[in-house]
Amino acid sequence: MLTWKSYFSDLPFLAFWYAFAATHLLNFATIDQFADDGMARSLPHVSILDPPFTLADDHPPHNPALGEKFIGLVVDALTTSPAGKILCS
């Protein structure tokens, strides 16, 4: 069975599809949980990572450097977690 989780900072993009999101509440978690799941080797098969849309989504008028920082934090979390060591080997 394919597992998935949507990790979000301030708003999960999938929440725009309210009926879908309401029937999959256990598949949503904060971005902090993404790092914890990586350290615990419990990442799902598919991880959807939403940036903080109100600050760092890489689109005007936001500062692209903040979006790049978010991407860097995600890459760092993946490459330093036990799960990442499997992915990067």
C-alpha atoms as a PDB file:
ATOM      1  CA  MET A   1       0.000   0.000   0.000  1.00  0.00           C
ATOM      2  CA  LEU A   2       1.315   3.408  -0.960  1.00  0.00           C
ATOM      3  CA  THR A   3       1.596   5.734   2.024  1.00  0.00           C
ATOM      4  CA  TRP A   4       1.601   9.532   1.877  1.00  0.00           C
ATOM      5  CA  LYS A   5       1.638  12.560   4.111  1.00  0.00           C
ATOM      6  CA  SER A   6       1.304  16.286   3.476  1.00  0.00           C
ATOM      7  CA  TYR A   7       3.683  18.272   5.678  1.00  0.00           C
ATOM      8  CA  PHE A   8       2.869  21.966   5.927  1.00  0.00           C
ATOM      9  CA  SER A   9       4.237  25.142   7.436  1.00  0.00           C
ATOM     10  CA  ASP A  10       1.236  27.445   7.615  1.00  0.00           C
ATOM     11  CA  LEU A  11      -1.324  25.991   5.219  1.00  0.00           C
ATOM     12  CA  PRO A  12      -1.483  22.616   3.506  1.00  0.00           C
ATOM     13  CA  PHE A  13      -2.073  23.176  -0.201  1.00  0.00           C
ATOM     14  CA  LEU A  14      -4.285  20.087  -0.316  1.00  0.00           C
ATOM     15  CA  ALA A  15      -6.646  21.821   2.129  1.00  0.00           C
ATOM     16  CA  PHE A  16      -8.047  23.716  -0.854  1.00  0.00           C
ATOM     17  CA  TRP A  17      -9.772  20.430  -1.678  1.00  0.00           C
ATOM     18  CA  TYR A  18     -11.677  20.476   1.580  1.00  0.00           C
ATOM     19  CA  ALA A  19     -13.733  17.312   1.088  1.00  0.00           C
ATOM     20  CA  PHE A  20     -10.586  15.326   0.273  1.00  0.00           C
ATOM     21  CA  ALA A  21      -8.599  16.840   3.148  1.00  0.00           C
ATOM     22  CA  ALA A  22     -11.422  16.265   5.624  1.00  0.00           C
ATOM     23  CA  THR A  23     -11.395  12.538   4.877  1.00  0.00           C
ATOM     24  CA  HIS A  24      -7.604  12.241   5.199  1.00  0.00           C
ATOM     25  CA  LEU A  25      -6.840  14.239   8.343  1.00  0.00           C
ATOM     26  CA  LEU A  26      -4.273  11.721   9.569  1.00  0.00           C
ATOM     27  CA  ASN A  27      -2.243  12.356   6.415  1.00  0.00           C
ATOM     28  CA  PHE A  28      -1.491  15.958   7.405  1.00  0.00           C
ATOM     29  CA  ALA A  29       1.288  17.025   9.740  1.00  0.00           C
ATOM     30  CA  THR A  30       3.435  20.049  10.447  1.00  0.00           C
ATOM     31  CA  ILE A  31       6.784  20.508   8.748  1.00  0.00           C
ATOM     32  CA  ASP A  32       8.459  19.847  12.113  1.00  0.00           C
ATOM     33  CA  GLN A  33       6.960  16.364  12.015  1.00  0.00           C
ATOM     34  CA  PHE A  34       8.717  15.787   8.677  1.00  0.00           C
ATOM     35  CA  ALA A  35      12.113  16.094  10.375  1.00  0.00           C
ATOM     36  CA  ASP A  36      10.956  13.885  13.247  1.00  0.00           C
ATOM     37  CA  ASP A  37       9.607  11.243  10.848  1.00  0.00           C
ATOM     38  CA  GLY A  38      12.903  11.284   8.954  1.00  0.00           C
ATOM     39  CA  MET A  39      14.897  10.761  12.122  1.00  0.00           C
ATOM     40  CA  ALA A  40      12.560   7.944  13.149  1.00  0.00           C
ATOM     41  CA  ARG A  41      12.804   6.336   9.683  1.00  0.00           C
ATOM     42  CA  SER A  42       9.055   6.592   9.358  1.00  0.00           C
ATOM     43  CA  LEU A  43       8.694   8.782   6.273  1.00  0.00           C
ATOM     44  CA  PRO A  44       5.847   7.700   3.993  1.00  0.00           C
ATOM     45  CA  HIS A  45       6.424   6.605   0.397  1.00  0.00           C
ATOM     46  CA  VAL A  46       5.301  10.065  -0.786  1.00  0.00           C
ATOM     47  CA  SER A  47       5.926  13.269   1.152  1.00  0.00           C
ATOM     48  CA  ILE A  48       4.321  16.532   0.082  1.00  0.00           C
ATOM     49  CA  LEU A  49       6.154  19.497   1.590  1.00  0.00           C
ATOM     50  CA  ASP A  50       4.470  22.885   1.582  1.00  0.00           C
ATOM     51  CA  PRO A  51       6.535  26.002   2.261  1.00  0.00           C
ATOM     52  CA  PRO A  52       5.269  28.801   4.457  1.00  0.00           C
ATOM     53  CA  PHE A  53       3.025  30.355   1.784  1.00  0.00           C
ATOM     54  CA  THR A  54       2.704  33.617   3.693  1.00  0.00           C
ATOM     55  CA  LEU A  55       6.479  34.147   3.723  1.00  0.00           C
ATOM     56  CA  ALA A  56       8.706  31.861   1.674  1.00  0.00           C
ATOM     57  CA  ASP A  57       6.944  30.253  -1.247  1.00  0.00           C
ATOM     58  CA  ASP A  58       9.466  31.455  -3.870  1.00  0.00           C
ATOM     59  CA  HIS A  59       6.837  33.521  -5.707  1.00  0.00           C
ATOM     60  CA  PRO A  60       6.526  37.315  -5.942  1.00  0.00           C
ATOM     61  CA  PRO A  61       6.251  39.355  -3.861  1.00  0.00           C
ATOM     62  CA  HIS A  62       8.122  37.125  -1.419  1.00  0.00           C
ATOM     63  CA  ASN A  63      11.880  37.031  -1.154  1.00  0.00           C
ATOM     64  CA  PRO A  64      13.170  34.077  -3.208  1.00  0.00           C
ATOM     65  CA  ALA A  65      16.062  33.664  -0.769  1.00  0.00           C
ATOM     66  CA  LEU A  66      13.566  32.596   1.897  1.00  0.00           C
ATOM     67  CA  GLY A  67      12.148  29.950  -0.436  1.00  0.00           C
ATOM     68  CA  GLU A  68      15.661  28.720  -1.144  1.00  0.00           C
ATOM     69  CA  LYS A  69      16.325  28.572   2.607  1.00  0.00           C
ATOM     70  CA  PHE A  70      13.232  26.393   3.034  1.00  0.00           C
ATOM     71  CA  ILE A  71      14.424  24.049   0.271  1.00  0.00           C
ATOM     72  CA  GLY A  72      17.861  23.911   1.902  1.00  0.00           C
ATOM     73  CA  LEU A  73      16.338  22.947   5.245  1.00  0.00           C
ATOM     74  CA  VAL A  74      14.362  20.139   3.584  1.00  0.00           C
ATOM     75  CA  VAL A  75      17.445  18.823   1.785  1.00  0.00           C
ATOM     76  CA  ASP A  76      19.429  19.019   5.021  1.00  0.00           C
ATOM     77  CA  ALA A  77      16.718  17.127   6.910  1.00  0.00           C
ATOM     78  CA  LEU A  78      16.695  14.407   4.256  1.00  0.00           C
ATOM     79  CA  THR A  79      20.446  14.008   3.961  1.00  0.00           C
ATOM     80  CA  THR A  80      21.153  13.970   7.689  1.00  0.00           C
ATOM     81  CA  SER A  81      18.323  11.657   8.738  1.00  0.00           C
ATOM     82  CA  PRO A  82      18.752   7.904   9.009  1.00  0.00           C
ATOM     83  CA  ALA A  83      16.221   7.538   6.174  1.00  0.00           C
ATOM     84  CA  GLY A  84      18.250   9.935   4.058  1.00  0.00           C
ATOM     85  CA  LYS A  85      21.348   7.838   4.426  1.00  0.00           C
ATOM     86  CA  ILE A  86      19.471   5.046   2.663  1.00  0.00           C
ATOM     87  CA  LEU A  87      18.192   7.433  -0.020  1.00  0.00           C
ATOM     88  CA  CYS A  88      21.615   8.949  -0.664  1.00  0.00           C
ATOM     89  CA  SER A  89      23.662   5.761  -0.717  1.00  0.00           C
END
